[in-house]
Amino acid sequence: MEWLMTQEPLVRIVAFAGVFLAMAAWELAAPRRTPSCPMGYRWGNNLGVVVLNTLLLRLVFPMAAVGIAVYVETSGWGLFQMLALPQWLAIVLAVVVLDFSIWTQHVLFHAVPALWRLHRMHHTDLDFDVTTGLRFHPMEILLSMLIKGAVIVVLGAPAVAVLLFEVLLNATSMFNHGNIRIPARVDRALRMLVVTPDMHRVHHSWHPNETNSNFGFSFPWWDRLLGTYRAQPRDGHENMTIGINLFRKHGDLRLDQLLLQPFRGPNHSYPINARSENREPDG
């Protein structure tokens, strides 16, 4: 427990840096799409969001998810501890259930218009690459941590499982947002086990019925089982339009404008329960 608490930040930083650099190199070597915006400008603002979110999380939740799990585990709380599950089984189940909770949360953020206002900042990126997978509004990040913490408490998830899940979620988010080319045959095999960039890119289409599909981050099973899976975008990966029908100017990519997006503009047709959900984007 002491090792987890002291080494957790280092483990996460090393994992983040390794995956980020690997994905950035892959994007340069074998890009799937031609960027529509200057990369330096986008990356500077997207990574600015990452720095802000990291500082905010450590300020508001100094214990973070792993710290919550350590406290829960040492206190003997939660379902898994009540059932006295073997450690290996508790770890496996915790990772799977946490992933499903993130999938459910993701659907919820598309279904509730007020929550969509927070989440849509992730969808207003005009390109799709490794930094898109890190671009979430600070208020969404804080709310997500509250939800995740509640799930950890209810489960009594082992701290090592939570650390494993956090590293996995961060790594797969960068991977499945990558602007990388994977052979079609390899992609079809991979997406049975993990969400691939071609699978998740559909979720970033500006067609509302495609935006509201393929919600998974790590495991692809939930979308297949619950009817939200869509294999390919109607316009093809090279020609599809990334984003939504709001905030499509380059100036909207600026950090201060990103932070103000929840308070600007209408919801339009994108929330799942909106009356106009089937209406195509304007223009």
Protein backbone atom coordinates (compact mmCIF):
# COMPACT_ATOMS: atom_id res chain seq x y z
CA MET A 1 0.00 0.00 0.00
CA GLU A 2 2.79 2.40 0.91
CA TRP A 3 4.58 1.61 -2.37
CA LEU A 4 1.41 2.26 -4.38
CA MET A 5 0.84 5.62 -2.72
CA THR A 6 4.42 6.82 -3.16
CA GLN A 7 5.09 5.41 -6.64
CA GLU A 8 1.66 5.91 -8.28
CA PRO A 9 2.49 9.35 -9.77
CA LEU A 10 5.79 8.05 -11.20
CA VAL A 11 4.17 4.94 -12.70
CA ARG A 12 1.48 7.03 -14.37
CA ILE A 13 3.91 9.67 -15.69
CA VAL A 14 6.26 7.07 -17.16
CA ALA A 15 3.37 5.16 -18.76
CA PHE A 16 1.85 8.37 -20.12
CA ALA A 17 5.12 9.64 -21.59
CA GLY A 18 5.99 6.29 -23.14
CA VAL A 19 2.62 5.80 -24.84
CA PHE A 20 2.34 9.45 -25.90
CA LEU A 21 5.78 9.49 -27.54
CA ALA A 22 5.16 6.12 -29.23
CA MET A 23 1.81 7.31 -30.63
CA ALA A 24 3.25 10.64 -31.78
CA ALA A 25 6.03 8.82 -33.64
CA TRP A 26 3.52 6.39 -35.18
CA GLU A 27 1.33 9.30 -36.35
CA LEU A 28 4.31 10.90 -38.09
CA ALA A 29 5.38 7.62 -39.68
CA ALA A 30 1.98 6.33 -40.84
CA PRO A 31 -0.82 8.92 -40.61
CA ARG A 32 -4.40 7.86 -41.40
CA ARG A 33 -5.67 11.35 -42.31
CA THR A 34 -4.16 14.66 -43.41
CA PRO A 35 -4.56 17.23 -40.59
CA SER A 36 -6.82 20.19 -41.34
CA CYS A 37 -5.30 22.50 -38.68
CA PRO A 38 -1.71 23.49 -37.83
CA MET A 39 -0.47 20.74 -35.53
CA GLY A 40 1.61 22.98 -33.26
CA TYR A 41 -1.34 25.27 -32.54
CA ARG A 42 -3.73 22.40 -31.77
CA TRP A 43 -1.24 20.45 -29.71
CA GLY A 44 -0.25 23.48 -27.64
CA ASN A 45 -3.86 24.16 -26.64
CA ASN A 46 -4.85 20.50 -26.18
CA LEU A 47 -1.82 19.80 -24.00
CA GLY A 48 -2.56 23.00 -22.08
CA VAL A 49 -5.88 21.39 -21.11
CA VAL A 50 -3.95 18.31 -19.92
CA VAL A 51 -1.68 20.38 -17.66
CA LEU A 52 -4.64 22.29 -16.23
CA ASN A 53 -6.61 19.08 -15.57
CA THR A 54 -3.65 17.38 -13.89
CA LEU A 55 -3.05 20.30 -11.53
CA LEU A 56 -6.77 20.65 -10.77
CA LEU A 57 -7.20 16.94 -9.99
CA ARG A 58 -4.25 16.92 -7.61
CA LEU A 59 -5.60 20.04 -5.90
CA VAL A 60 -9.22 18.87 -5.50
CA PHE A 61 -8.54 15.12 -5.15
CA PRO A 62 -5.01 14.85 -3.70
CA MET A 63 -5.51 11.14 -3.00
CA ALA A 64 -6.71 10.47 -6.59
CA ALA A 65 -8.41 7.19 -7.55
CA VAL A 66 -5.60 4.97 -6.24
CA GLY A 67 -5.60 6.80 -2.91
CA ILE A 68 -9.34 6.24 -2.57
CA ALA A 69 -8.82 2.54 -3.31
CA VAL A 70 -6.04 2.26 -0.70
CA TYR A 71 -8.30 3.82 1.94
CA VAL A 72 -11.22 1.56 0.98
CA GLU A 73 -9.05 -1.56 0.99
CA THR A 74 -7.46 -0.84 4.37
CA SER A 75 -10.92 -0.05 5.81
CA GLY A 76 -12.40 -3.32 4.56
CA TRP A 77 -15.19 -1.62 2.63
CA GLY A 78 -16.95 -2.75 -0.53
CA LEU A 79 -18.60 -5.71 -2.20
CA PHE A 80 -15.45 -7.59 -3.15
CA GLN A 81 -14.13 -7.51 0.41
CA MET A 82 -17.49 -8.61 1.80
CA LEU A 83 -17.40 -11.61 -0.56
CA ALA A 84 -13.75 -12.30 0.33
CA LEU A 85 -12.86 -12.80 -3.35
CA PRO A 86 -9.39 -14.06 -4.26
CA GLN A 87 -7.09 -11.14 -5.05
CA TRP A 88 -6.59 -12.11 -8.70
CA LEU A 89 -10.34 -12.38 -9.31
CA ALA A 90 -11.05 -9.09 -7.55
CA ILE A 91 -8.43 -7.38 -9.76
CA VAL A 92 -9.87 -8.78 -12.99
CA LEU A 93 -13.46 -7.98 -12.04
CA ALA A 94 -12.56 -4.50 -10.84
CA VAL A 95 -10.88 -3.60 -14.15
CA VAL A 96 -13.82 -4.93 -16.17
CA VAL A 97 -16.50 -3.26 -14.01
CA LEU A 98 -14.61 0.04 -13.94
CA ASP A 99 -14.37 -0.03 -17.72
CA PHE A 100 -18.11 -0.66 -18.00
CA SER A 101 -18.77 2.22 -15.59
CA ILE A 102 -16.70 4.53 -17.82
CA TRP A 103 -18.69 3.33 -20.86
CA THR A 104 -21.96 4.02 -18.99
CA GLN A 105 -20.73 7.43 -17.90
CA HIS A 106 -19.77 8.22 -21.50
CA VAL A 107 -23.28 7.36 -22.72
CA LEU A 108 -24.74 9.48 -19.91
CA PHE A 109 -22.65 12.47 -20.99
CA HIS A 110 -24.15 12.14 -24.47
CA ALA A 111 -27.71 11.60 -23.21
CA VAL A 112 -28.12 14.47 -20.73
CA PRO A 113 -27.95 17.87 -22.47
CA ALA A 114 -26.33 19.62 -19.47
CA LEU A 115 -23.61 16.96 -19.32
CA TRP A 116 -23.20 17.05 -23.10
CA ARG A 117 -22.27 20.73 -22.76
CA LEU A 118 -19.27 19.61 -20.68
CA HIS A 119 -18.36 16.64 -22.84
CA ARG A 120 -18.73 18.26 -26.25
CA MET A 121 -15.38 20.04 -25.84
CA HIS A 122 -13.86 16.63 -26.48
CA HIS A 123 -15.84 16.45 -29.75
CA THR A 124 -15.13 19.95 -31.05
CA ASP A 125 -11.55 19.14 -31.99
CA LEU A 126 -11.29 19.61 -35.75
CA ASP A 127 -8.72 16.84 -36.12
CA PHE A 128 -8.39 13.43 -34.51
CA ASP A 129 -5.06 12.42 -33.02
CA VAL A 130 -3.33 11.39 -29.80
CA THR A 131 -3.97 14.79 -28.14
CA THR A 132 -7.73 14.50 -28.77
CA GLY A 133 -7.73 11.54 -26.38
CA LEU A 134 -6.49 13.85 -23.62
CA ARG A 135 -8.76 16.83 -24.30
CA PHE A 136 -11.59 16.89 -21.73
CA HIS A 137 -13.11 19.87 -19.96
CA PRO A 138 -11.89 20.28 -16.35
CA MET A 139 -15.46 20.11 -14.99
CA GLU A 140 -15.98 16.79 -16.78
CA ILE A 141 -12.71 15.46 -15.35
CA LEU A 142 -13.75 16.38 -11.79
CA LEU A 143 -17.21 14.86 -12.21
CA SER A 144 -15.70 11.73 -13.72
CA MET A 145 -13.41 11.35 -10.70
CA LEU A 146 -16.41 11.58 -8.35
CA ILE A 147 -18.22 8.84 -10.30
CA LYS A 148 -15.10 6.68 -10.44
CA GLY A 149 -14.49 7.14 -6.72
CA ALA A 150 -18.06 6.06 -5.93
CA VAL A 151 -17.64 2.90 -8.02
CA ILE A 152 -14.35 2.11 -6.26
CA VAL A 153 -15.99 2.47 -2.84
CA VAL A 154 -18.99 0.30 -3.75
CA LEU A 155 -16.81 -2.43 -5.26
CA GLY A 156 -14.04 -2.32 -2.69
CA ALA A 157 -11.71 -2.43 -5.70
CA PRO A 158 -8.10 -3.42 -4.90
CA ALA A 159 -5.71 -0.50 -5.17
CA VAL A 160 -3.47 -2.37 -7.61
CA ALA A 161 -6.50 -2.95 -9.87
CA VAL A 162 -7.33 0.76 -9.83
CA LEU A 163 -3.75 1.69 -10.73
CA LEU A 164 -3.81 -0.88 -13.54
CA PHE A 165 -7.13 0.48 -14.79
CA GLU A 166 -5.98 4.11 -14.68
CA VAL A 167 -2.84 3.31 -16.69
CA LEU A 168 -4.86 1.17 -19.14
CA LEU A 169 -7.54 3.83 -19.63
CA ASN A 170 -4.99 6.57 -20.25
CA ALA A 171 -3.00 4.42 -22.67
CA THR A 172 -6.00 3.15 -24.65
CA SER A 173 -7.47 6.65 -24.88
CA MET A 174 -4.28 7.86 -26.56
CA PHE A 175 -4.14 4.75 -28.76
CA ASN A 176 -7.74 4.78 -29.97
CA HIS A 177 -7.57 8.49 -30.78
CA GLY A 178 -4.39 8.03 -32.78
CA ASN A 179 -4.12 9.32 -36.34
CA ILE A 180 -2.47 6.06 -37.33
CA ARG A 181 -2.89 3.66 -40.22
CA ILE A 182 -3.49 0.02 -39.28
CA PRO A 183 -4.04 -2.62 -41.99
CA ALA A 184 -7.75 -3.48 -42.29
CA ARG A 185 -7.22 -7.16 -41.49
CA VAL A 186 -5.24 -6.32 -38.34
CA ASP A 187 -7.84 -3.74 -37.30
CA ARG A 188 -10.69 -6.29 -37.62
CA ALA A 189 -8.83 -8.69 -35.34
CA LEU A 190 -7.73 -6.03 -32.84
CA ARG A 191 -11.19 -4.54 -32.38
CA MET A 192 -12.42 -7.81 -30.93
CA LEU A 193 -10.15 -7.14 -27.93
CA VAL A 194 -9.54 -3.40 -27.77
CA VAL A 195 -11.07 -0.23 -29.21
CA THR A 196 -9.03 0.72 -32.29
CA PRO A 197 -8.60 4.19 -33.83
CA ASP A 198 -10.76 3.26 -36.84
CA MET A 199 -13.50 2.07 -34.49
CA HIS A 200 -13.43 5.12 -32.24
CA ARG A 201 -12.98 7.65 -35.06
CA VAL A 202 -16.59 6.92 -36.05
CA HIS A 203 -17.60 8.38 -32.66
CA HIS A 204 -16.00 11.69 -33.69
CA SER A 205 -17.97 12.02 -36.93
CA TRP A 206 -20.15 15.11 -37.21
CA HIS A 207 -23.17 12.99 -38.19
CA PRO A 208 -25.19 12.76 -34.90
CA ASN A 209 -26.07 9.07 -35.27
CA GLU A 210 -22.36 8.29 -35.62
CA THR A 211 -21.36 10.59 -32.75
CA ASN A 212 -23.76 8.57 -30.61
CA SER A 213 -22.10 5.22 -31.30
CA ASN A 214 -18.87 3.41 -30.33
CA PHE A 215 -18.66 4.81 -26.79
CA GLY A 216 -15.96 2.40 -25.58
CA PHE A 217 -12.48 3.54 -24.56
CA SER A 218 -10.66 0.32 -23.70
CA PHE A 219 -12.84 -2.74 -24.29
CA PRO A 220 -15.08 -2.91 -27.40
CA TRP A 221 -17.57 -5.42 -26.00
CA TRP A 222 -20.08 -3.03 -24.43
CA ASP A 223 -20.99 -1.36 -27.73
CA ARG A 224 -21.46 -4.71 -29.44
CA LEU A 225 -23.53 -6.15 -26.60
CA LEU A 226 -25.72 -3.08 -26.06
CA GLY A 227 -26.41 -2.06 -29.65
CA THR A 228 -24.28 1.06 -30.03
CA TYR A 229 -21.62 -0.41 -32.31
CA ARG A 230 -21.06 1.03 -35.80
CA ALA A 231 -18.34 -0.56 -37.91
CA GLN A 232 -17.42 2.30 -40.29
CA PRO A 233 -18.28 5.96 -40.94
CA ARG A 234 -20.61 6.57 -43.89
CA ASP A 235 -18.20 9.06 -45.49
CA GLY A 236 -15.08 6.91 -45.11
CA HIS A 237 -12.17 7.59 -42.76
CA GLU A 238 -10.23 9.87 -45.10
CA ASN A 239 -13.22 11.99 -46.14
CA MET A 240 -15.31 12.11 -42.95
CA THR A 241 -15.74 15.44 -41.15
CA ILE A 242 -14.39 15.42 -37.59
CA GLY A 243 -16.21 17.42 -34.91
CA ILE A 244 -19.73 18.75 -34.48
CA ASN A 245 -21.67 21.59 -36.08
CA LEU A 246 -20.43 24.17 -33.56
CA PHE A 247 -17.04 25.81 -32.82
CA ARG A 248 -15.53 25.07 -36.24
CA LYS A 249 -13.21 28.10 -36.44
CA HIS A 250 -9.52 27.77 -35.68
CA GLY A 251 -9.93 30.43 -32.99
CA ASP A 252 -12.27 28.06 -31.13
CA LEU A 253 -9.28 25.75 -30.56
CA ARG A 254 -7.62 28.30 -28.26
CA LEU A 255 -7.36 27.22 -24.62
CA ASP A 256 -9.48 30.03 -23.18
CA GLN A 257 -12.20 29.38 -25.78
CA LEU A 258 -12.15 25.65 -25.03
CA LEU A 259 -12.80 26.33 -21.34
CA LEU A 260 -15.75 28.61 -22.18
CA GLN A 261 -17.47 26.19 -24.58
CA PRO A 262 -19.94 24.73 -22.03
CA PHE A 263 -21.40 28.21 -21.58
CA ARG A 264 -21.64 29.09 -25.28
CA GLY A 265 -24.03 28.13 -28.06
CA PRO A 266 -27.00 25.76 -28.20
CA ASN A 267 -26.84 21.98 -27.76
CA HIS A 268 -28.08 21.41 -31.29
CA SER A 269 -28.92 17.88 -32.42
CA TYR A 270 -26.22 15.85 -30.69
CA PRO A 271 -27.56 14.81 -27.26
CA ILE A 272 -29.10 11.34 -27.62
CA ASN A 273 -32.47 12.43 -26.23
CA ALA A 274 -32.73 15.68 -28.21
CA ARG A 275 -35.87 16.00 -30.35
CA SER A 276 -33.70 16.88 -33.32
CA GLU A 277 -31.19 14.07 -32.79
CA ASN A 278 -31.72 12.68 -36.30
CA ARG A 279 -31.25 16.05 -38.01
CA GLU A 280 -28.04 16.35 -40.03
CA PRO A 281 -25.55 19.14 -39.28
CA ASP A 282 -26.28 22.48 -40.87
CA GLY A 283 -24.30 23.60 -43.86
